[in-house]
Every structure is written in C-alpha cells, then in structure tokens.
C-alpha cells in the first residue's frame, strides 16, 4: 500500500489524533471488539473533519443491549 504513511497502535476509545484530522474514518471489525462500543463512534466523530465520512464495518451483530440498539440505529439512519 504505497498510500499508507504510517501504522499506529492506539485505543479506539481515546485516539491520539487531534480534532478534525481526517476526511474519512474507517473502522473495520472494531466495534464488536472494544470494551465500550458506544464510545468509539463519538471518538471517530471527533477526529473526522466537518462534512467528513465515518464508515463502520462489522461482521457480527448484537441481538440485545446497547450495542444492538446502536447497530439498529446506524443501519436505519445511515443507509
């Protein structure tokens, strides 16, 4: 990937990037693996520029709890 400048490891709940850094934030297969899945989209929103895009990709789904509510909300309001 010649367009990849760097690979960094960090907590998805508290990224070290400054506010409004990216035109697009992509989180593939992250939401089901973090301790607080509700917090990660907020953190993505913080680091994406106004008018930017956030793309969350998930290979599993939750049937109950906050994760399930969030997944349903995202599917309904963002498609």
PDB file of N, CA and C in Angstrom:
ATOM      1  N   UNK A   1       0.820  -1.177   0.000  1.00  0.00           N
ATOM      2  CA  UNK A   1       0.000   0.000   0.000  1.00  0.00           C
ATOM      3  C   UNK A   1       0.866   1.243   0.000  1.00  0.00           C
ATOM      4  N   UNK A   2       1.148   1.781  -1.138  1.00  0.00           N
ATOM      5  CA  UNK A   2       2.017   2.962  -1.201  1.00  0.00           C
ATOM      6  C   UNK A   2       1.388   4.209  -0.575  1.00  0.00           C
ATOM      7  N   UNK A   3       0.072   4.233  -0.411  1.00  0.00           N
ATOM      8  CA  UNK A   3      -0.596   5.405   0.168  1.00  0.00           C
ATOM      9  C   UNK A   3      -0.596   5.379   1.693  1.00  0.00           C
ATOM     10  N   UNK A   4      -0.198   4.270   2.316  1.00  0.00           N
ATOM     11  CA  UNK A   4      -0.134   4.187   3.776  1.00  0.00           C
ATOM     12  C   UNK A   4       1.175   4.814   4.237  1.00  0.00           C
ATOM     13  N   UNK A   5       1.058   5.880   5.043  1.00  0.00           N
ATOM     14  CA  UNK A   5       2.248   6.584   5.521  1.00  0.00           C
ATOM     15  C   UNK A   5       2.764   6.039   6.826  1.00  0.00           C
ATOM     16  N   UNK A   6       1.870   5.486   7.650  1.00  0.00           N
ATOM     17  CA  UNK A   6       2.280   5.021   8.959  1.00  0.00           C
ATOM     18  C   UNK A   6       1.209   4.092   9.515  1.00  0.00           C
ATOM     19  N   UNK A   7       1.602   3.218  10.408  1.00  0.00           N
ATOM     20  CA  UNK A   7       0.677   2.360  11.129  1.00  0.00           C
ATOM     21  C   UNK A   7       0.897   2.618  12.616  1.00  0.00           C
ATOM     22  N   UNK A   8      -0.185   2.980  13.301  1.00  0.00           N
ATOM     23  CA  UNK A   8      -0.104   3.315  14.716  1.00  0.00           C
ATOM     24  C   UNK A   8      -1.031   2.412  15.516  1.00  0.00           C
ATOM     25  N   UNK A   9      -0.618   2.059  16.695  1.00  0.00           N
ATOM     26  CA  UNK A   9      -1.461   1.290  17.597  1.00  0.00           C
ATOM     27  C   UNK A   9      -1.945   2.214  18.711  1.00  0.00           C
ATOM     28  N   UNK A  10      -3.278   2.230  18.920  1.00  0.00           N
ATOM     29  CA  UNK A  10      -3.827   3.073  19.987  1.00  0.00           C
ATOM     30  C   UNK A  10      -5.201   2.579  20.385  1.00  0.00           C
ATOM     31  N   UNK A  11      -5.712   3.130  21.450  1.00  0.00           N
ATOM     32  CA  UNK A  11      -7.026   2.796  21.977  1.00  0.00           C
ATOM     33  C   UNK A  11      -8.093   3.492  21.141  1.00  0.00           C
ATOM     34  N   UNK A  12      -9.029   2.737  20.590  1.00  0.00           N
ATOM     35  CA  UNK A  12     -10.091   3.310  19.758  1.00  0.00           C
ATOM     36  C   UNK A  12     -11.017   4.223  20.551  1.00  0.00           C
ATOM     37  N   UNK A  13     -11.025   4.068  21.872  1.00  0.00           N
ATOM     38  CA  UNK A  13     -11.855   4.924  22.724  1.00  0.00           C
ATOM     39  C   UNK A  13     -11.232   6.308  22.919  1.00  0.00           C
ATOM     40  N   UNK A  14      -9.913   6.399  22.805  1.00  0.00           N
ATOM     41  CA  UNK A  14      -9.180   7.640  23.066  1.00  0.00           C
ATOM     42  C   UNK A  14      -8.015   7.749  22.080  1.00  0.00           C
ATOM     43  N   UNK A  15      -8.326   8.107  20.844  1.00  0.00           N
ATOM     44  CA  UNK A  15      -7.273   8.222  19.832  1.00  0.00           C
ATOM     45  C   UNK A  15      -6.416   9.457  20.097  1.00  0.00           C
ATOM     46  N   UNK A  16      -5.162   9.376  19.720  1.00  0.00           N
ATOM     47  CA  UNK A  16      -4.230  10.469  19.982  1.00  0.00           C
ATOM     48  C   UNK A  16      -4.244  11.537  18.890  1.00  0.00           C
ATOM     49  N   UNK A  17      -5.077  11.387  17.892  1.00  0.00           N
ATOM     50  CA  UNK A  17      -5.175  12.384  16.828  1.00  0.00           C
ATOM     51  C   UNK A  17      -5.891  13.633  17.332  1.00  0.00           C
ATOM     52  N   UNK A  18      -5.564  14.761  16.748  1.00  0.00           N
ATOM     53  CA  UNK A  18      -6.254  15.996  17.101  1.00  0.00           C
ATOM     54  C   UNK A  18      -7.641  16.020  16.459  1.00  0.00           C
ATOM     55  N   UNK A  19      -8.488  16.897  16.939  1.00  0.00           N
ATOM     56  CA  UNK A  19      -9.832  17.048  16.398  1.00  0.00           C
ATOM     57  C   UNK A  19      -9.774  17.384  14.911  1.00  0.00           C
ATOM     58  N   UNK A  20     -10.757  16.885  14.171  1.00  0.00           N
ATOM     59  CA  UNK A  20     -10.938  17.214  12.752  1.00  0.00           C
ATOM     60  C   UNK A  20      -9.664  16.971  11.931  1.00  0.00           C
ATOM     61  N   UNK A  21      -9.092  15.802  12.078  1.00  0.00           N
ATOM     62  CA  UNK A  21      -7.860  15.458  11.367  1.00  0.00           C
ATOM     63  C   UNK A  21      -8.119  14.827  10.000  1.00  0.00           C
ATOM     64  N   UNK A  22      -9.167  14.023   9.879  1.00  0.00           N
ATOM     65  CA  UNK A  22      -9.346  13.177   8.689  1.00  0.00           C
ATOM     66  C   UNK A  22     -10.591  13.532   7.887  1.00  0.00           C
ATOM     67  N   UNK A  23     -10.510  13.318   6.581  1.00  0.00           N
ATOM     68  CA  UNK A  23     -11.666  13.455   5.699  1.00  0.00           C
ATOM     69  C   UNK A  23     -12.595  12.257   5.856  1.00  0.00           C
ATOM     70  N   UNK A  24     -12.016  11.110   6.178  1.00  0.00           N
ATOM     71  CA  UNK A  24     -12.785   9.883   6.323  1.00  0.00           C
ATOM     72  C   UNK A  24     -12.151   9.022   7.412  1.00  0.00           C
ATOM     73  N   UNK A  25     -12.986   8.421   8.235  1.00  0.00           N
ATOM     74  CA  UNK A  25     -12.534   7.483   9.267  1.00  0.00           C
ATOM     75  C   UNK A  25     -13.197   6.144   8.962  1.00  0.00           C
ATOM     76  N   UNK A  26     -12.394   5.089   8.860  1.00  0.00           N
ATOM     77  CA  UNK A  26     -12.896   3.746   8.606  1.00  0.00           C
ATOM     78  C   UNK A  26     -12.505   2.860   9.778  1.00  0.00           C
ATOM     79  N   UNK A  27     -13.503   2.226  10.386  1.00  0.00           N
ATOM     80  CA  UNK A  27     -13.253   1.299  11.491  1.00  0.00           C
ATOM     81  C   UNK A  27     -13.820  -0.059  11.086  1.00  0.00           C
ATOM     82  N   UNK A  28     -12.947  -0.912  10.594  1.00  0.00           N
ATOM     83  CA  UNK A  28     -13.372  -2.230  10.144  1.00  0.00           C
ATOM     84  C   UNK A  28     -13.213  -3.245  11.266  1.00  0.00           C
ATOM     85  N   UNK A  29     -14.312  -3.907  11.592  1.00  0.00           N
ATOM     86  CA  UNK A  29     -14.311  -5.008  12.559  1.00  0.00           C
ATOM     87  C   UNK A  29     -13.768  -4.584  13.921  1.00  0.00           C
ATOM     88  N   UNK A  30     -14.095  -3.372  14.341  1.00  0.00           N
ATOM     89  CA  UNK A  30     -13.621  -2.832  15.610  1.00  0.00           C
ATOM     90  C   UNK A  30     -14.720  -2.846  16.667  1.00  0.00           C
ATOM     91  N   UNK A  31     -15.911  -2.462  16.309  1.00  0.00           N
ATOM     92  CA  UNK A  31     -16.987  -2.227  17.263  1.00  0.00           C
ATOM     93  C   UNK A  31     -17.273  -3.441  18.143  1.00  0.00           C
ATOM     94  N   UNK A  32     -17.201  -4.636  17.592  1.00  0.00           N
ATOM     95  CA  UNK A  32     -17.503  -5.826  18.386  1.00  0.00           C
ATOM     96  C   UNK A  32     -16.344  -6.257  19.279  1.00  0.00           C
ATOM     97  N   UNK A  33     -15.219  -5.587  19.169  1.00  0.00           N
ATOM     98  CA  UNK A  33     -14.034  -5.998  19.926  1.00  0.00           C
ATOM     99  C   UNK A  33     -13.629  -5.034  21.028  1.00  0.00           C
ATOM    100  N   UNK A  34     -14.284  -3.901  21.134  1.00  0.00           N
ATOM    101  CA  UNK A  34     -13.891  -2.902  22.126  1.00  0.00           C
ATOM    102  C   UNK A  34     -14.766  -2.998  23.374  1.00  0.00           C
ATOM    103  N   UNK A  35     -14.246  -2.491  24.478  1.00  0.00           N
ATOM    104  CA  UNK A  35     -14.963  -2.557  25.760  1.00  0.00           C
ATOM    105  C   UNK A  35     -16.227  -1.699  25.760  1.00  0.00           C
ATOM    106  N   UNK A  36     -16.174  -0.524  25.132  1.00  0.00           N
ATOM    107  CA  UNK A  36     -17.310   0.408  25.109  1.00  0.00           C
ATOM    108  C   UNK A  36     -17.647   0.765  23.662  1.00  0.00           C
ATOM    109  N   UNK A  37     -18.410  -0.081  22.973  1.00  0.00           N
ATOM    110  CA  UNK A  37     -18.688   0.174  21.561  1.00  0.00           C
ATOM    111  C   UNK A  37     -19.452   1.463  21.301  1.00  0.00           C
ATOM    112  N   UNK A  38     -20.153   1.978  22.302  1.00  0.00           N
ATOM    113  CA  UNK A  38     -20.891   3.232  22.122  1.00  0.00           C
ATOM    114  C   UNK A  38     -19.954   4.431  22.043  1.00  0.00           C
ATOM    115  N   UNK A  39     -18.781   4.307  22.615  1.00  0.00           N
ATOM    116  CA  UNK A  39     -17.843   5.428  22.691  1.00  0.00           C
ATOM    117  C   UNK A  39     -17.024   5.602  21.404  1.00  0.00           C
ATOM    118  N   UNK A  40     -16.788   4.538  20.690  1.00  0.00           N
ATOM    119  CA  UNK A  40     -15.921   4.598  19.507  1.00  0.00           C
ATOM    120  C   UNK A  40     -16.479   5.512  18.408  1.00  0.00           C
ATOM    121  N   UNK A  41     -17.775   5.439  18.062  1.00  0.00           N
ATOM    122  CA  UNK A  41     -18.281   6.376  17.046  1.00  0.00           C
ATOM    123  C   UNK A  41     -18.129   7.841  17.456  1.00  0.00           C
ATOM    124  N   UNK A  42     -18.269   8.134  18.736  1.00  0.00           N
ATOM    125  CA  UNK A  42     -18.066   9.509  19.197  1.00  0.00           C
ATOM    126  C   UNK A  42     -16.624   9.941  18.986  1.00  0.00           C
ATOM    127  N   UNK A  43     -15.717   9.028  19.244  1.00  0.00           N
ATOM    128  CA  UNK A  43     -14.301   9.331  19.040  1.00  0.00           C
ATOM    129  C   UNK A  43     -13.991   9.484  17.552  1.00  0.00           C
ATOM    130  N   UNK A  44     -14.620   8.662  16.720  1.00  0.00           N
ATOM    131  CA  UNK A  44     -14.462   8.812  15.267  1.00  0.00           C
ATOM    132  C   UNK A  44     -14.996  10.169  14.818  1.00  0.00           C
ATOM    133  N   UNK A  45     -16.134  10.572  15.366  1.00  0.00           N
ATOM    134  CA  UNK A  45     -16.715  11.870  15.033  1.00  0.00           C
ATOM    135  C   UNK A  45     -15.781  13.014  15.427  1.00  0.00           C
ATOM    136  N   UNK A  46     -15.095  12.844  16.524  1.00  0.00           N
ATOM    137  CA  UNK A  46     -14.165  13.882  16.986  1.00  0.00           C
ATOM    138  C   UNK A  46     -13.009  14.079  16.017  1.00  0.00           C
ATOM    139  N   UNK A  47     -12.500  13.001  15.439  1.00  0.00           N
ATOM    140  CA  UNK A  47     -11.304  13.117  14.591  1.00  0.00           C
ATOM    141  C   UNK A  47     -11.614  13.323  13.108  1.00  0.00           C
ATOM    142  N   UNK A  48     -12.882  13.208  12.709  1.00  0.00           N
ATOM    143  CA  UNK A  48     -13.236  13.439  11.311  1.00  0.00           C
ATOM    144  C   UNK A  48     -13.558  14.927  11.107  1.00  0.00           C
ATOM    145  N   UNK A  49     -13.170  15.446   9.957  1.00  0.00           N
ATOM    146  CA  UNK A  49     -13.440  16.852   9.629  1.00  0.00           C
ATOM    147  C   UNK A  49     -14.941  17.071   9.418  1.00  0.00           C
ATOM    148  N   UNK A  50     -15.420  18.282   9.637  1.00  0.00           N
ATOM    149  CA  UNK A  50     -16.828  18.581   9.360  1.00  0.00           C
ATOM    150  C   UNK A  50     -17.163  18.211   7.911  1.00  0.00           C
ATOM    151  N   UNK A  51     -18.254  17.514   7.743  1.00  0.00           N
ATOM    152  CA  UNK A  51     -18.654  17.056   6.416  1.00  0.00           C
ATOM    153  C   UNK A  51     -17.965  15.780   5.986  1.00  0.00           C
ATOM    154  N   UNK A  52     -17.074  15.262   6.824  1.00  0.00           N
ATOM    155  CA  UNK A  52     -16.364  14.028   6.503  1.00  0.00           C
ATOM    156  C   UNK A  52     -17.248  12.804   6.687  1.00  0.00           C
ATOM    157  N   UNK A  53     -16.696  11.654   6.380  1.00  0.00           N
ATOM    158  CA  UNK A  53     -17.448  10.407   6.468  1.00  0.00           C
ATOM    159  C   UNK A  53     -16.853   9.486   7.529  1.00  0.00           C
ATOM    160  N   UNK A  54     -17.729   8.747   8.163  1.00  0.00           N
ATOM    161  CA  UNK A  54     -17.331   7.692   9.088  1.00  0.00           C
ATOM    162  C   UNK A  54     -17.923   6.396   8.545  1.00  0.00           C
ATOM    163  N   UNK A  55     -17.070   5.420   8.324  1.00  0.00           N
ATOM    164  CA  UNK A  55     -17.506   4.129   7.802  1.00  0.00           C
ATOM    165  C   UNK A  55     -17.185   3.065   8.843  1.00  0.00           C
ATOM    166  N   UNK A  56     -18.222   2.443   9.376  1.00  0.00           N
ATOM    167  CA  UNK A  56     -18.065   1.368  10.352  1.00  0.00           C
ATOM    168  C   UNK A  56     -18.476   0.060   9.678  1.00  0.00           C
ATOM    169  N   UNK A  57     -17.592  -0.907   9.696  1.00  0.00           N
ATOM    170  CA  UNK A  57     -17.860  -2.213   9.098  1.00  0.00           C
ATOM    171  C   UNK A  57     -17.848  -3.234  10.224  1.00  0.00           C
ATOM    172  N   UNK A  58     -18.864  -4.075  10.253  1.00  0.00           N
ATOM    173  CA  UNK A  58     -18.988  -5.051  11.318  1.00  0.00           C
ATOM    174  C   UNK A  58     -19.347  -6.399  10.710  1.00  0.00           C
ATOM    175  N   UNK A  59     -18.702  -7.456  11.145  1.00  0.00           N
ATOM    176  CA  UNK A  59     -19.006  -8.789  10.617  1.00  0.00           C
ATOM    177  C   UNK A  59     -19.941  -9.584  11.531  1.00  0.00           C
ATOM    178  N   UNK A  60     -20.173  -9.095  12.715  1.00  0.00           N
ATOM    179  CA  UNK A  60     -21.102  -9.712  13.659  1.00  0.00           C
ATOM    180  C   UNK A  60     -22.156  -8.687  14.033  1.00  0.00           C
ATOM    181  N   UNK A  61     -23.212  -9.129  14.661  1.00  0.00           N
ATOM    182  CA  UNK A  61     -24.197  -8.187  15.162  1.00  0.00           C
ATOM    183  C   UNK A  61     -24.639  -8.610  16.551  1.00  0.00           C
ATOM    184  N   UNK A  62     -25.152  -7.668  17.282  1.00  0.00           N
ATOM    185  CA  UNK A  62     -25.634  -7.921  18.637  1.00  0.00           C
ATOM    186  C   UNK A  62     -27.145  -8.014  18.606  1.00  0.00           C
ATOM    187  N   UNK A  63     -27.683  -8.916  19.393  1.00  0.00           N
ATOM    188  CA  UNK A  63     -29.129  -9.089  19.433  1.00  0.00           C
ATOM    189  C   UNK A  63     -29.782  -8.316  20.567  1.00  0.00           C
ATOM    190  N   UNK A  64     -28.997  -7.910  21.573  1.00  0.00           N
ATOM    191  CA  UNK A  64     -29.564  -7.189  22.702  1.00  0.00           C
ATOM    192  C   UNK A  64     -28.542  -6.223  23.275  1.00  0.00           C
ATOM    193  N   UNK A  65     -29.011  -5.358  24.154  1.00  0.00           N
ATOM    194  CA  UNK A  65     -28.127  -4.415  24.821  1.00  0.00           C
ATOM    195  C   UNK A  65     -27.865  -3.163  23.999  1.00  0.00           C
ATOM    196  N   UNK A  66     -26.961  -2.330  24.517  1.00  0.00           N
ATOM    197  CA  UNK A  66     -26.639  -1.051  23.875  1.00  0.00           C
ATOM    198  C   UNK A  66     -26.035  -1.248  22.492  1.00  0.00           C
ATOM    199  N   UNK A  67     -25.184  -2.247  22.328  1.00  0.00           N
ATOM    200  CA  UNK A  67     -24.576  -2.482  21.008  1.00  0.00           C
ATOM    201  C   UNK A  67     -25.654  -2.781  19.977  1.00  0.00           C
ATOM    202  N   UNK A  68     -26.647  -3.589  20.328  1.00  0.00           N
ATOM    203  CA  UNK A  68     -27.727  -3.920  19.403  1.00  0.00           C
ATOM    204  C   UNK A  68     -28.534  -2.669  19.038  1.00  0.00           C
ATOM    205  N   UNK A  69     -28.844  -1.840  20.027  1.00  0.00           N
ATOM    206  CA  UNK A  69     -29.585  -0.604  19.769  1.00  0.00           C
ATOM    207  C   UNK A  69     -28.799   0.322  18.850  1.00  0.00           C
ATOM    208  N   UNK A  70     -27.508   0.443  19.119  1.00  0.00           N
ATOM    209  CA  UNK A  70     -26.667   1.300  18.295  1.00  0.00           C
ATOM    210  C   UNK A  70     -26.590   0.775  16.858  1.00  0.00           C
ATOM    211  N   UNK A  71     -26.414  -0.525  16.694  1.00  0.00           N
ATOM    212  CA  UNK A  71     -26.328  -1.114  15.355  1.00  0.00           C
ATOM    213  C   UNK A  71     -27.620  -0.906  14.579  1.00  0.00           C
ATOM    214  N   UNK A  72     -28.768  -1.087  15.237  1.00  0.00           N
ATOM    215  CA  UNK A  72     -30.040  -0.852  14.565  1.00  0.00           C
ATOM    216  C   UNK A  72     -30.189   0.614  14.171  1.00  0.00           C
ATOM    217  N   UNK A  73     -29.812   1.514  15.070  1.00  0.00           N
ATOM    218  CA  UNK A  73     -29.904   2.946  14.778  1.00  0.00           C
ATOM    219  C   UNK A  73     -29.031   3.312  13.588  1.00  0.00           C
ATOM    220  N   UNK A  74     -27.800   2.815  13.565  1.00  0.00           N
ATOM    221  CA  UNK A  74     -26.896   3.124  12.460  1.00  0.00           C
ATOM    222  C   UNK A  74     -27.419   2.557  11.148  1.00  0.00           C
ATOM    223  N   UNK A  75     -27.942   1.361  11.171  1.00  0.00           N
ATOM    224  CA  UNK A  75     -28.456   0.737   9.956  1.00  0.00           C
ATOM    225  C   UNK A  75     -29.662   1.508   9.427  1.00  0.00           C
ATOM    226  N   UNK A  76     -30.526   1.937  10.310  1.00  0.00           N
ATOM    227  CA  UNK A  76     -31.749   2.625   9.904  1.00  0.00           C
ATOM    228  C   UNK A  76     -31.479   4.053   9.459  1.00  0.00           C
ATOM    229  N   UNK A  77     -30.660   4.790  10.188  1.00  0.00           N
ATOM    230  CA  UNK A  77     -30.490   6.212   9.909  1.00  0.00           C
ATOM    231  C   UNK A  77     -29.383   6.513   8.906  1.00  0.00           C
ATOM    232  N   UNK A  78     -28.542   5.561   8.608  1.00  0.00           N
ATOM    233  CA  UNK A  78     -27.389   5.854   7.759  1.00  0.00           C
ATOM    234  C   UNK A  78     -27.395   5.143   6.430  1.00  0.00           C
ATOM    235  N   UNK A  79     -28.455   4.414   6.093  1.00  0.00           N
ATOM    236  CA  UNK A  79     -28.483   3.710   4.808  1.00  0.00           C
ATOM    237  C   UNK A  79     -29.260   4.473   3.792  1.00  0.00           C
TER     238      UNK A  79
END
